[in-house]
Full PDB file with SEQRES, HELIX, SHEET, SSBOND, CRYST1, ORIGX, SCALE, CONECT and MASTER records, all heavy atoms in Angstrom:
SEQRES   1 A   38  PRO THR LEU THR LEU GLU PRO ARG TRP TYR TYR ASN LEU          
SEQRES   2 A   38  ASN LYS ARG GLN ASN LYS SER ARG ARG ILE ASP GLY ASN          
SEQRES   3 A   38  SER GLY ASN PHE ILE SER ILE LYS THR THR TYR HIS              
HELIX    1 AA1 LEU A   13  ASN A   18  1                                   6    
HELIX    2 AA2 ASP A   24  ASN A   26  5                                   3    
SHEET    1 AA1 2 LEU A   3  LEU A   5  0                                        
SHEET    2 AA1 2 THR A  35  TYR A  37 -1                                        
SHEET    1 AA2 2 ARG A   8  TYR A  10  0                                        
SHEET    2 AA2 2 PHE A  30  SER A  32 -1                                        
CRYST1    1.000    1.000    1.000  90.00  90.00  90.00 P 1           1          
ORIGX1      1.000000  0.000000  0.000000        0.00000                         
ORIGX2      0.000000  1.000000  0.000000        0.00000                         
ORIGX3      0.000000  0.000000  1.000000        0.00000                         
SCALE1      1.000000  0.000000  0.000000        0.00000                         
SCALE2      0.000000  1.000000  0.000000        0.00000                         
SCALE3      0.000000  0.000000  1.000000        0.00000                         
ATOM      1  N   PRO A   1      93.427 290.455  58.030  1.00  0.00           N  
ATOM      2  CA  PRO A   1      93.163 290.153  59.461  1.00  0.00           C  
ATOM      3  C   PRO A   1      94.391 289.557  60.133  1.00  0.00           C  
ATOM      4  O   PRO A   1      95.190 288.866  59.378  1.00  0.00           O  
ATOM      5  CB  PRO A   1      92.018 289.119  59.467  1.00  0.00           C  
ATOM      6  CG  PRO A   1      92.029 288.553  58.051  1.00  0.00           C  
ATOM      7  CD  PRO A   1      92.614 289.631  57.122  1.00  0.00           C  
ATOM      8  N   THR A   2      94.529 289.769  61.390  1.00  0.00           N  
ATOM      9  CA  THR A   2      95.708 289.214  62.138  1.00  0.00           C  
ATOM     10  C   THR A   2      95.220 288.739  63.491  1.00  0.00           C  
ATOM     11  O   THR A   2      94.408 289.451  64.151  1.00  0.00           O  
ATOM     12  CB  THR A   2      96.782 290.306  62.242  1.00  0.00           C  
ATOM     13  OG1 THR A   2      97.928 289.733  62.946  1.00  0.00           O  
ATOM     14  CG2 THR A   2      96.332 291.499  62.915  1.00  0.00           C  
ATOM     15  N   LEU A   3      95.763 287.622  63.944  1.00  0.00           N  
ATOM     16  CA  LEU A   3      95.544 287.138  65.300  1.00  0.00           C  
ATOM     17  C   LEU A   3      96.932 287.076  65.960  1.00  0.00           C  
ATOM     18  O   LEU A   3      97.851 286.446  65.403  1.00  0.00           O  
ATOM     19  CB  LEU A   3      94.892 285.822  65.247  1.00  0.00           C  
ATOM     20  CG  LEU A   3      93.556 285.681  64.488  1.00  0.00           C  
ATOM     21  CD1 LEU A   3      93.199 284.264  64.252  1.00  0.00           C  
ATOM     22  CD2 LEU A   3      92.488 286.505  65.232  1.00  0.00           C  
ATOM     23  N   THR A   4      97.004 287.497  67.173  1.00  0.00           N  
ATOM     24  CA  THR A   4      98.296 287.507  67.876  1.00  0.00           C  
ATOM     25  C   THR A   4      98.202 287.024  69.374  1.00  0.00           C  
ATOM     26  O   THR A   4      97.227 287.402  69.974  1.00  0.00           O  
ATOM     27  CB  THR A   4      98.944 288.878  67.886  1.00  0.00           C  
ATOM     28  OG1 THR A   4      99.092 289.386  66.576  1.00  0.00           O  
ATOM     29  CG2 THR A   4     100.268 288.937  68.589  1.00  0.00           C  
ATOM     30  N   LEU A   5      99.102 286.142  69.736  1.00  0.00           N  
ATOM     31  CA  LEU A   5      99.249 285.788  71.135  1.00  0.00           C  
ATOM     32  C   LEU A   5     100.745 286.144  71.549  1.00  0.00           C  
ATOM     33  O   LEU A   5     101.659 285.834  70.764  1.00  0.00           O  
ATOM     34  CB  LEU A   5      99.104 284.302  71.367  1.00  0.00           C  
ATOM     35  CG  LEU A   5      97.662 283.834  71.504  1.00  0.00           C  
ATOM     36  CD1 LEU A   5      97.603 282.349  71.673  1.00  0.00           C  
ATOM     37  CD2 LEU A   5      97.000 284.541  72.694  1.00  0.00           C  
ATOM     38  N   GLU A   6     100.883 286.784  72.673  1.00  0.00           N  
ATOM     39  CA  GLU A   6     102.150 287.323  72.989  1.00  0.00           C  
ATOM     40  C   GLU A   6     102.386 287.366  74.514  1.00  0.00           C  
ATOM     41  O   GLU A   6     101.859 288.180  75.271  1.00  0.00           O  
ATOM     42  CB  GLU A   6     102.312 288.766  72.452  1.00  0.00           C  
ATOM     43  CG  GLU A   6     103.647 289.450  72.725  1.00  0.00           C  
ATOM     44  CD  GLU A   6     103.575 290.899  72.131  1.00  0.00           C  
ATOM     45  OE1 GLU A   6     102.537 291.384  71.781  1.00  0.00           O  
ATOM     46  OE2 GLU A   6     104.713 291.425  72.054  1.00  0.00           O  
ATOM     47  N   PRO A   7     103.143 286.359  75.039  1.00  0.00           N  
ATOM     48  CA  PRO A   7     103.488 286.420  76.466  1.00  0.00           C  
ATOM     49  C   PRO A   7     104.487 287.602  76.647  1.00  0.00           C  
ATOM     50  O   PRO A   7     105.471 287.613  75.938  1.00  0.00           O  
ATOM     51  CB  PRO A   7     104.034 285.069  76.793  1.00  0.00           C  
ATOM     52  CG  PRO A   7     104.418 284.469  75.518  1.00  0.00           C  
ATOM     53  CD  PRO A   7     103.623 285.138  74.431  1.00  0.00           C  
ATOM     54  N   ARG A   8     104.228 288.381  77.627  1.00  0.00           N  
ATOM     55  CA  ARG A   8     105.120 289.516  77.881  1.00  0.00           C  
ATOM     56  C   ARG A   8     105.683 289.458  79.364  1.00  0.00           C  
ATOM     57  O   ARG A   8     104.895 289.311  80.289  1.00  0.00           O  
ATOM     58  CB  ARG A   8     104.382 290.891  77.735  1.00  0.00           C  
ATOM     59  CG  ARG A   8     104.109 291.225  76.306  1.00  0.00           C  
ATOM     60  CD  ARG A   8     103.424 292.614  76.208  1.00  0.00           C  
ATOM     61  NE  ARG A   8     103.300 292.993  74.882  1.00  0.00           N  
ATOM     62  CZ  ARG A   8     102.940 294.235  74.493  1.00  0.00           C  
ATOM     63  NH1 ARG A   8     102.569 295.109  75.420  1.00  0.00           N  
ATOM     64  NH2 ARG A   8     102.849 294.509  73.215  1.00  0.00           N  
ATOM     65  N   TRP A   9     107.001 289.631  79.483  1.00  0.00           N  
ATOM     66  CA  TRP A   9     107.656 289.778  80.783  1.00  0.00           C  
ATOM     67  C   TRP A   9     107.930 291.265  81.016  1.00  0.00           C  
ATOM     68  O   TRP A   9     108.840 291.826  80.355  1.00  0.00           O  
ATOM     69  CB  TRP A   9     108.839 288.877  80.767  1.00  0.00           C  
ATOM     70  CG  TRP A   9     109.677 289.078  82.035  1.00  0.00           C  
ATOM     71  CD1 TRP A   9     109.282 289.129  83.341  1.00  0.00           C  
ATOM     72  CD2 TRP A   9     111.095 289.231  82.097  1.00  0.00           C  
ATOM     73  NE1 TRP A   9     110.265 289.320  84.213  1.00  0.00           N  
ATOM     74  CE2 TRP A   9     111.438 289.408  83.440  1.00  0.00           C  
ATOM     75  CE3 TRP A   9     112.116 289.280  81.151  1.00  0.00           C  
ATOM     76  CZ2 TRP A   9     112.755 289.597  83.872  1.00  0.00           C  
ATOM     77  CZ3 TRP A   9     113.473 289.498  81.547  1.00  0.00           C  
ATOM     78  CH2 TRP A   9     113.727 289.643  82.902  1.00  0.00           C  
ATOM     79  N   TYR A  10     107.222 291.873  81.937  1.00  0.00           N  
ATOM     80  CA  TYR A  10     107.451 293.240  82.350  1.00  0.00           C  
ATOM     81  C   TYR A  10     108.561 293.212  83.426  1.00  0.00           C  
ATOM     82  O   TYR A  10     108.301 292.926  84.562  1.00  0.00           O  
ATOM     83  CB  TYR A  10     106.191 293.926  82.845  1.00  0.00           C  
ATOM     84  CG  TYR A  10     105.245 294.148  81.751  1.00  0.00           C  
ATOM     85  CD1 TYR A  10     104.282 293.230  81.405  1.00  0.00           C  
ATOM     86  CD2 TYR A  10     105.293 295.355  80.981  1.00  0.00           C  
ATOM     87  CE1 TYR A  10     103.333 293.479  80.413  1.00  0.00           C  
ATOM     88  CE2 TYR A  10     104.439 295.577  79.977  1.00  0.00           C  
ATOM     89  CZ  TYR A  10     103.429 294.652  79.669  1.00  0.00           C  
ATOM     90  OH  TYR A  10     102.559 294.907  78.622  1.00  0.00           O  
ATOM     91  N   TYR A  11     109.823 293.470  83.019  1.00  0.00           N  
ATOM     92  CA  TYR A  11     110.952 293.208  83.915  1.00  0.00           C  
ATOM     93  C   TYR A  11     111.316 294.361  84.794  1.00  0.00           C  
ATOM     94  O   TYR A  11     112.140 294.194  85.687  1.00  0.00           O  
ATOM     95  CB  TYR A  11     112.137 292.852  83.098  1.00  0.00           C  
ATOM     96  CG  TYR A  11     112.666 293.851  82.109  1.00  0.00           C  
ATOM     97  CD1 TYR A  11     113.557 294.823  82.469  1.00  0.00           C  
ATOM     98  CD2 TYR A  11     112.236 293.767  80.757  1.00  0.00           C  
ATOM     99  CE1 TYR A  11     114.002 295.771  81.549  1.00  0.00           C  
ATOM    100  CE2 TYR A  11     112.723 294.729  79.886  1.00  0.00           C  
ATOM    101  CZ  TYR A  11     113.568 295.709  80.226  1.00  0.00           C  
ATOM    102  OH  TYR A  11     114.024 296.591  79.333  1.00  0.00           O  
ATOM    103  N   ASN A  12     110.753 295.589  84.617  1.00  0.00           N  
ATOM    104  CA  ASN A  12     111.204 296.677  85.481  1.00  0.00           C  
ATOM    105  C   ASN A  12     110.095 297.318  86.315  1.00  0.00           C  
ATOM    106  O   ASN A  12     110.143 298.495  86.770  1.00  0.00           O  
ATOM    107  CB  ASN A  12     111.880 297.764  84.622  1.00  0.00           C  
ATOM    108  CG  ASN A  12     110.873 298.457  83.738  1.00  0.00           C  
ATOM    109  OD1 ASN A  12     109.824 297.947  83.416  1.00  0.00           O  
ATOM    110  ND2 ASN A  12     111.226 299.707  83.391  1.00  0.00           N  
ATOM    111  N   LEU A  13     109.082 296.528  86.687  1.00  0.00           N  
ATOM    112  CA  LEU A  13     107.941 297.104  87.408  1.00  0.00           C  
ATOM    113  C   LEU A  13     108.378 297.539  88.814  1.00  0.00           C  
ATOM    114  O   LEU A  13     108.022 298.605  89.316  1.00  0.00           O  
ATOM    115  CB  LEU A  13     106.828 296.087  87.568  1.00  0.00           C  
ATOM    116  CG  LEU A  13     106.157 295.742  86.251  1.00  0.00           C  
ATOM    117  CD1 LEU A  13     105.057 294.712  86.461  1.00  0.00           C  
ATOM    118  CD2 LEU A  13     105.552 296.936  85.578  1.00  0.00           C  
ATOM    119  N   ASN A  14     109.171 296.693  89.525  1.00  0.00           N  
ATOM    120  CA  ASN A  14     109.669 297.104  90.878  1.00  0.00           C  
ATOM    121  C   ASN A  14     110.504 298.323  90.867  1.00  0.00           C  
ATOM    122  O   ASN A  14     110.371 299.255  91.693  1.00  0.00           O  
ATOM    123  CB  ASN A  14     110.416 295.958  91.484  1.00  0.00           C  
ATOM    124  CG  ASN A  14     109.556 294.801  91.932  1.00  0.00           C  
ATOM    125  OD1 ASN A  14     108.423 294.947  92.257  1.00  0.00           O  
ATOM    126  ND2 ASN A  14     110.145 293.611  91.945  1.00  0.00           N  
ATOM    127  N   LYS A  15     111.382 298.490  89.843  1.00  0.00           N  
ATOM    128  CA  LYS A  15     112.214 299.658  89.771  1.00  0.00           C  
ATOM    129  C   LYS A  15     111.391 300.889  89.432  1.00  0.00           C  
ATOM    130  O   LYS A  15     111.631 301.932  90.063  1.00  0.00           O  
ATOM    131  CB  LYS A  15     113.199 299.416  88.616  1.00  0.00           C  
ATOM    132  CG  LYS A  15     114.227 300.566  88.427  1.00  0.00           C  
ATOM    133  CD  LYS A  15     115.213 300.178  87.353  1.00  0.00           C  
ATOM    134  CE  LYS A  15     116.148 301.339  87.039  1.00  0.00           C  
ATOM    135  NZ  LYS A  15     117.088 301.024  85.990  1.00  0.00           N  
ATOM    136  N   ARG A  16     110.401 300.765  88.575  1.00  0.00           N  
ATOM    137  CA  ARG A  16     109.511 301.941  88.375  1.00  0.00           C  
ATOM    138  C   ARG A  16     108.692 302.318  89.560  1.00  0.00           C  
ATOM    139  O   ARG A  16     108.592 303.450  89.844  1.00  0.00           O  
ATOM    140  CB  ARG A  16     108.578 301.613  87.137  1.00  0.00           C  
ATOM    141  CG  ARG A  16     109.254 301.554  85.782  1.00  0.00           C  
ATOM    142  CD  ARG A  16     108.241 301.320  84.694  1.00  0.00           C  
ATOM    143  NE  ARG A  16     107.285 302.377  84.560  1.00  0.00           N  
ATOM    144  CZ  ARG A  16     107.457 303.581  84.050  1.00  0.00           C  
ATOM    145  NH1 ARG A  16     108.660 303.914  83.518  1.00  0.00           N  
ATOM    146  NH2 ARG A  16     106.467 304.461  84.007  1.00  0.00           N  
ATOM    147  N   GLN A  17     108.217 301.338  90.312  1.00  0.00           N  
ATOM    148  CA  GLN A  17     107.430 301.573  91.445  1.00  0.00           C  
ATOM    149  C   GLN A  17     108.299 302.281  92.553  1.00  0.00           C  
ATOM    150  O   GLN A  17     107.853 303.230  93.202  1.00  0.00           O  
ATOM    151  CB  GLN A  17     106.770 300.372  92.006  1.00  0.00           C  
ATOM    152  CG  GLN A  17     105.802 300.658  93.125  1.00  0.00           C  
ATOM    153  CD  GLN A  17     105.019 299.420  93.585  1.00  0.00           C  
ATOM    154  OE1 GLN A  17     105.636 298.421  93.788  1.00  0.00           O  
ATOM    155  NE2 GLN A  17     103.740 299.538  93.679  1.00  0.00           N  
ATOM    156  N   ASN A  18     109.506 301.829  92.751  1.00  0.00           N  
ATOM    157  CA  ASN A  18     110.448 302.366  93.709  1.00  0.00           C  
ATOM    158  C   ASN A  18     110.821 303.781  93.381  1.00  0.00           C  
ATOM    159  O   ASN A  18     111.083 304.612  94.280  1.00  0.00           O  
ATOM    160  CB  ASN A  18     111.694 301.516  93.855  1.00  0.00           C  
ATOM    161  CG  ASN A  18     111.509 300.201  94.520  1.00  0.00           C  
ATOM    162  OD1 ASN A  18     110.483 300.014  95.222  1.00  0.00           O  
ATOM    163  ND2 ASN A  18     112.340 299.277  94.329  1.00  0.00           N  
ATOM    164  N   LYS A  19     110.794 304.185  92.119  1.00  0.00           N  
ATOM    165  CA  LYS A  19     111.047 305.553  91.709  1.00  0.00           C  
ATOM    166  C   LYS A  19     109.735 306.368  91.566  1.00  0.00           C  
ATOM    167  O   LYS A  19     109.816 307.483  91.008  1.00  0.00           O  
ATOM    168  CB  LYS A  19     111.793 305.583  90.318  1.00  0.00           C  
ATOM    169  CG  LYS A  19     113.175 305.045  90.457  1.00  0.00           C  
ATOM    170  CD  LYS A  19     113.928 305.171  89.104  1.00  0.00           C  
ATOM    171  CE  LYS A  19     115.352 304.642  89.263  1.00  0.00           C  
ATOM    172  NZ  LYS A  19     116.082 304.871  87.928  1.00  0.00           N  
ATOM    173  N   SER A  20     108.699 305.842  92.077  1.00  0.00           N  
ATOM    174  CA  SER A  20     107.337 306.518  92.036  1.00  0.00           C  
ATOM    175  C   SER A  20     106.864 306.782  90.656  1.00  0.00           C  
ATOM    176  O   SER A  20     106.223 307.799  90.365  1.00  0.00           O  
ATOM    177  CB  SER A  20     107.361 307.793  92.871  1.00  0.00           C  
ATOM    178  OG  SER A  20     107.677 307.446  94.227  1.00  0.00           O  
ATOM    179  N   ARG A  21     107.158 305.885  89.725  1.00  0.00           N  
ATOM    180  CA  ARG A  21     106.711 306.053  88.337  1.00  0.00           C  
ATOM    181  C   ARG A  21     105.499 305.129  88.163  1.00  0.00           C  
ATOM    182  O   ARG A  21     105.319 304.128  88.883  1.00  0.00           O  
ATOM    183  CB  ARG A  21     107.800 305.650  87.345  1.00  0.00           C  
ATOM    184  CG  ARG A  21     108.943 306.693  87.421  1.00  0.00           C  
ATOM    185  CD  ARG A  21     109.869 306.436  86.270  1.00  0.00           C  
ATOM    186  NE  ARG A  21     110.971 307.394  86.360  1.00  0.00           N  
ATOM    187  CZ  ARG A  21     112.201 307.176  85.996  1.00  0.00           C  
ATOM    188  NH1 ARG A  21     112.521 305.981  85.486  1.00  0.00           N  
ATOM    189  NH2 ARG A  21     113.121 308.078  86.041  1.00  0.00           N  
ATOM    190  N   ARG A  22     104.635 305.419  87.172  1.00  0.00           N  
ATOM    191  CA  ARG A  22     103.452 304.706  86.931  1.00  0.00           C  
ATOM    192  C   ARG A  22     103.701 303.259  86.457  1.00  0.00           C  
ATOM    193  O   ARG A  22     104.520 303.043  85.615  1.00  0.00           O  
ATOM    194  CB  ARG A  22     102.546 305.391  85.963  1.00  0.00           C  
ATOM    195  CG  ARG A  22     102.093 306.760  86.408  1.00  0.00           C  
ATOM    196  CD  ARG A  22     101.287 307.442  85.370  1.00  0.00           C  
ATOM    197  NE  ARG A  22      99.997 306.709  85.124  1.00  0.00           N  
ATOM    198  CZ  ARG A  22      99.100 307.151  84.253  1.00  0.00           C  
ATOM    199  NH1 ARG A  22      99.229 308.272  83.654  1.00  0.00           N  
ATOM    200  NH2 ARG A  22      98.002 306.468  84.122  1.00  0.00           N  
ATOM    201  N   ILE A  23     102.908 302.278  87.018  1.00  0.00           N  
ATOM    202  CA  ILE A  23     102.889 300.932  86.522  1.00  0.00           C  
ATOM    203  C   ILE A  23     101.531 300.483  86.194  1.00  0.00           C  
ATOM    204  O   ILE A  23     101.314 299.325  85.735  1.00  0.00           O  
ATOM    205  CB  ILE A  23     103.580 299.942  87.482  1.00  0.00           C  
ATOM    206  CG1 ILE A  23     102.798 299.894  88.779  1.00  0.00           C  
ATOM    207  CG2 ILE A  23     105.017 300.275  87.682  1.00  0.00           C  
ATOM    208  CD1 ILE A  23     103.236 298.711  89.650  1.00  0.00           C  
ATOM    209  N   ASP A  24     100.478 301.355  86.354  1.00  0.00           N  
ATOM    210  CA  ASP A  24      99.110 301.031  86.050  1.00  0.00           C  
ATOM    211  C   ASP A  24      98.997 300.753  84.573  1.00  0.00           C  
ATOM    212  O   ASP A  24      99.682 301.350  83.733  1.00  0.00           O  
ATOM    213  CB  ASP A  24      98.150 302.117  86.494  1.00  0.00           C  
ATOM    214  CG  ASP A  24      98.421 303.441  85.858  1.00  0.00           C  
ATOM    215  OD1 ASP A  24      99.590 303.840  85.744  1.00  0.00           O  
ATOM    216  OD2 ASP A  24      97.442 304.083  85.428  1.00  0.00           O  
ATOM    217  N   GLY A  25      98.069 299.820  84.219  1.00  0.00           N  
ATOM    218  CA  GLY A  25      97.820 299.510  82.781  1.00  0.00           C  
ATOM    219  C   GLY A  25      99.082 298.806  82.191  1.00  0.00           C  
ATOM    220  O   GLY A  25      99.309 298.825  81.013  1.00  0.00           O  
ATOM    221  N   ASN A  26      99.922 298.238  83.046  1.00  0.00           N  
ATOM    222  CA  ASN A  26     101.159 297.572  82.662  1.00  0.00           C  
ATOM    223  C   ASN A  26     102.132 298.507  81.975  1.00  0.00           C  
ATOM    224  O   ASN A  26     102.706 298.176  80.927  1.00  0.00           O  
ATOM    225  CB  ASN A  26     100.849 296.321  81.709  1.00  0.00           C  
ATOM    226  CG  ASN A  26      99.970 295.271  82.468  1.00  0.00           C  
ATOM    227  OD1 ASN A  26      99.859 295.367  83.659  1.00  0.00           O  
ATOM    228  ND2 ASN A  26      99.349 294.413  81.686  1.00  0.00           N  
ATOM    229  N   SER A  27     102.326 299.653  82.537  1.00  0.00           N  
ATOM    230  CA  SER A  27     103.306 300.598  82.058  1.00  0.00           C  
ATOM    231  C   SER A  27     104.658 300.087  82.450  1.00  0.00           C  
ATOM    232  O   SER A  27     104.945 299.942  83.684  1.00  0.00           O  
ATOM    233  CB  SER A  27     103.118 302.025  82.622  1.00  0.00           C  
ATOM    234  OG  SER A  27     102.008 302.590  82.062  1.00  0.00           O  
ATOM    235  N   GLY A  28     105.549 299.808  81.499  1.00  0.00           N  
ATOM    236  CA  GLY A  28     106.918 299.318  81.859  1.00  0.00           C  
ATOM    237  C   GLY A  28     107.564 298.849  80.608  1.00  0.00           C  
ATOM    238  O   GLY A  28     107.039 298.794  79.509  1.00  0.00           O  
ATOM    239  N   ASN A  29     108.805 298.321  80.790  1.00  0.00           N  
ATOM    240  CA  ASN A  29     109.524 297.762  79.685  1.00  0.00           C  
ATOM    241  C   ASN A  29     109.231 296.242  79.700  1.00  0.00           C  
ATOM    242  O   ASN A  29     108.988 295.691  80.693  1.00  0.00           O  
ATOM    243  CB  ASN A  29     111.090 297.970  79.920  1.00  0.00           C  
ATOM    244  CG  ASN A  29     111.443 299.427  79.871  1.00  0.00           C  
ATOM    245  OD1 ASN A  29     110.630 300.334  79.892  1.00  0.00           O  
ATOM    246  ND2 ASN A  29     112.751 299.643  79.998  1.00  0.00           N  
ATOM    247  N   PHE A  30     109.187 295.704  78.486  1.00  0.00           N  
ATOM    248  CA  PHE A  30     108.931 294.294  78.414  1.00  0.00           C  
ATOM    249  C   PHE A  30     109.754 293.524  77.352  1.00  0.00           C  
ATOM    250  O   PHE A  30     110.263 294.204  76.433  1.00  0.00           O  
ATOM    251  CB  PHE A  30     107.385 294.068  78.043  1.00  0.00           C  
ATOM    252  CG  PHE A  30     106.940 294.665  76.753  1.00  0.00           C  
ATOM    253  CD1 PHE A  30     107.075 293.898  75.573  1.00  0.00           C  
ATOM    254  CD2 PHE A  30     106.416 295.937  76.692  1.00  0.00           C  
ATOM    255  CE1 PHE A  30     106.628 294.468  74.342  1.00  0.00           C  
ATOM    256  CE2 PHE A  30     105.971 296.437  75.505  1.00  0.00           C  
ATOM    257  CZ  PHE A  30     106.101 295.708  74.327  1.00  0.00           C  
ATOM    258  N   ILE A  31     109.823 292.261  77.544  1.00  0.00           N  
ATOM    259  CA  ILE A  31     110.419 291.321  76.551  1.00  0.00           C  
ATOM    260  C   ILE A  31     109.309 290.326  76.253  1.00  0.00           C  
ATOM    261  O   ILE A  31     108.685 289.804  77.162  1.00  0.00           O  
ATOM    262  CB  ILE A  31     111.703 290.621  77.092  1.00  0.00           C  
ATOM    263  CG1 ILE A  31     112.774 291.729  77.289  1.00  0.00           C  
ATOM    264  CG2 ILE A  31     112.135 289.562  76.134  1.00  0.00           C  
ATOM    265  CD1 ILE A  31     114.033 291.157  77.963  1.00  0.00           C  
ATOM    266  N   SER A  32     109.079 290.061  74.984  1.00  0.00           N  
ATOM    267  CA  SER A  32     108.027 289.165  74.642  1.00  0.00           C  
ATOM    268  C   SER A  32     108.399 288.238  73.482  1.00  0.00           C  
ATOM    269  O   SER A  32     109.472 288.415  72.883  1.00  0.00           O  
ATOM    270  CB  SER A  32     106.820 289.974  74.247  1.00  0.00           C  
ATOM    271  OG  SER A  32     107.034 290.586  72.988  1.00  0.00           O  
ATOM    272  N   ILE A  33     107.531 287.269  73.272  1.00  0.00           N  
ATOM    273  CA  ILE A  33     107.646 286.377  72.141  1.00  0.00           C  
ATOM    274  C   ILE A  33     106.231 286.582  71.319  1.00  0.00           C  
ATOM    275  O   ILE A  33     105.276 285.990  71.670  1.00  0.00           O  
ATOM    276  CB  ILE A  33     107.820 284.944  72.474  1.00  0.00           C  
ATOM    277  CG1 ILE A  33     109.146 284.802  73.220  1.00  0.00           C  
ATOM    278  CG2 ILE A  33     107.881 284.065  71.190  1.00  0.00           C  
ATOM    279  CD1 ILE A  33     109.473 283.400  73.790  1.00  0.00           C  
ATOM    280  N   LYS A  34     106.314 287.443  70.338  1.00  0.00           N  
ATOM    281  CA  LYS A  34     105.108 287.800  69.578  1.00  0.00           C  
ATOM    282  C   LYS A  34     104.879 286.740  68.524  1.00  0.00           C  
ATOM    283  O   LYS A  34     105.679 286.527  67.537  1.00  0.00           O  
ATOM    284  CB  LYS A  34     105.257 289.207  68.917  1.00  0.00           C  
ATOM    285  CG  LYS A  34     103.997 289.651  68.280  1.00  0.00           C  
ATOM    286  CD  LYS A  34     104.200 291.058  67.781  1.00  0.00           C  
ATOM    287  CE  LYS A  34     102.843 291.511  67.168  1.00  0.00           C  
ATOM    288  NZ  LYS A  34     102.928 292.901  66.827  1.00  0.00           N  
ATOM    289  N   THR A  35     103.753 286.038  68.581  1.00  0.00           N  
ATOM    290  CA  THR A  35     103.326 285.041  67.615  1.00  0.00           C  
ATOM    291  C   THR A  35     102.096 285.544  66.953  1.00  0.00           C  
ATOM    292  O   THR A  35     101.068 285.719  67.528  1.00  0.00           O  
ATOM    293  CB  THR A  35     103.064 283.707  68.336  1.00  0.00           C  
ATOM    294  OG1 THR A  35     104.161 283.296  69.083  1.00  0.00           O  
ATOM    295  CG2 THR A  35     102.751 282.625  67.334  1.00  0.00           C  
ATOM    296  N   THR A  36     102.201 285.776  65.621  1.00  0.00           N  
ATOM    297  CA  THR A  36     101.177 286.391  64.777  1.00  0.00           C  
ATOM    298  C   THR A  36     100.776 285.441  63.662  1.00  0.00           C  
ATOM    299  O   THR A  36     101.686 284.956  62.966  1.00  0.00           O  
ATOM    300  CB  THR A  36     101.664 287.754  64.291  1.00  0.00           C  
ATOM    301  OG1 THR A  36     102.036 288.514  65.366  1.00  0.00           O  
ATOM    302  CG2 THR A  36     100.514 288.398  63.495  1.00  0.00           C  
ATOM    303  N   TYR A  37      99.501 285.265  63.442  1.00  0.00           N  
ATOM    304  CA  TYR A  37      98.942 284.549  62.316  1.00  0.00           C  
ATOM    305  C   TYR A  37      98.141 285.440  61.445  1.00  0.00           C  
ATOM    306  O   TYR A  37      97.192 286.127  61.958  1.00  0.00           O  
ATOM    307  CB  TYR A  37      98.104 283.340  62.875  1.00  0.00           C  
ATOM    308  CG  TYR A  37      97.432 282.601  61.813  1.00  0.00           C  
ATOM    309  CD1 TYR A  37      98.099 281.920  60.797  1.00  0.00           C  
ATOM    310  CD2 TYR A  37      96.025 282.490  61.834  1.00  0.00           C  
ATOM    311  CE1 TYR A  37      97.400 281.167  59.883  1.00  0.00           C  
ATOM    312  CE2 TYR A  37      95.331 281.714  60.887  1.00  0.00           C  
ATOM    313  CZ  TYR A  37      96.067 281.081  59.867  1.00  0.00           C  
ATOM    314  OH  TYR A  37      95.443 280.378  58.909  1.00  0.00           O  
ATOM    315  N   HIS A  38      98.438 285.445  60.185  1.00  0.00           N  
ATOM    316  CA  HIS A  38      97.662 286.221  59.124  1.00  0.00           C  
ATOM    317  C   HIS A  38      96.909 285.176  58.364  1.00  0.00           C  
ATOM    318  O   HIS A  38      97.460 284.552  57.410  1.00  0.00           O  
ATOM    319  CB  HIS A  38      98.590 286.961  58.237  1.00  0.00           C  
ATOM    320  CG  HIS A  38      99.264 288.144  58.843  1.00  0.00           C  
ATOM    321  ND1 HIS A  38     100.572 288.168  59.202  1.00  0.00           N  
ATOM    322  CD2 HIS A  38      98.766 289.310  59.258  1.00  0.00           C  
ATOM    323  CE1 HIS A  38     100.917 289.279  59.782  1.00  0.00           C  
ATOM    324  NE2 HIS A  38      99.839 290.056  59.852  1.00  0.00           N  
TER     325      HIS A  38                                                      
MASTER        0    0    0    2    4    0    0    6  324    1    0    3          
END                                                                             
């Protein structure tokens, strides 16, 4: 089993939207700090 908490910064949403690309469902590039407990 695994439990994870991960804050994600989606840094290119504006750029994707300006180019008429999808951002629904948090589609984009991200930087995160993945903290996982097994």
